[in-house]
C-alpha cells in the first residue's frame, strides 16, 4: 500500500508580518521542510495491513523542541473507533516517536514558533 504523510502547520498563517518576497521565500522553505519531514517519518512508519478497508486519515498532533525532539508524546486528534483504524493510528504515533528527533527541524531557517506544533496527516492512498 502506498501511504502519504502530509504535515500541516497549526501556528498562525505564514503571511503574518511578512512582505511578499519574504513570504514567498518562507513558503518555499516550508514546502522543503514538509518534504524532509515526510521522508524522515516515512522511513520509520510500518503501517498495518489495511487490505479491503478505507480508513479515514489519522491526524497526529506533535509538539517539538527547538532541537527537533518531542516536547510531549504525540496525540491522535481524531481517535478512530474501528479496530483497523486504531491499529493505523497507533502505528502513526509509533512512527513519530521512533523518528524523533527530526534532523530536518535543526536545519531550517523558519522560526521555531512556526513549526513547534504540527499536525501530521497519515492518509492511506489506494
Foldseek 3Di string as FASTA:
>chain_A
DDKFKFKDWPFDDLVPPDDPVVSVVVVVLVVVLRVLVRVLLVVQFDQDDPPPDFDAWWKKKFAADQQQAGPDQIDTPDQDDDPNVNSRNVRSSRSSNVRPSRNSSNPGPPDCSRHRIMIMIIGDDD
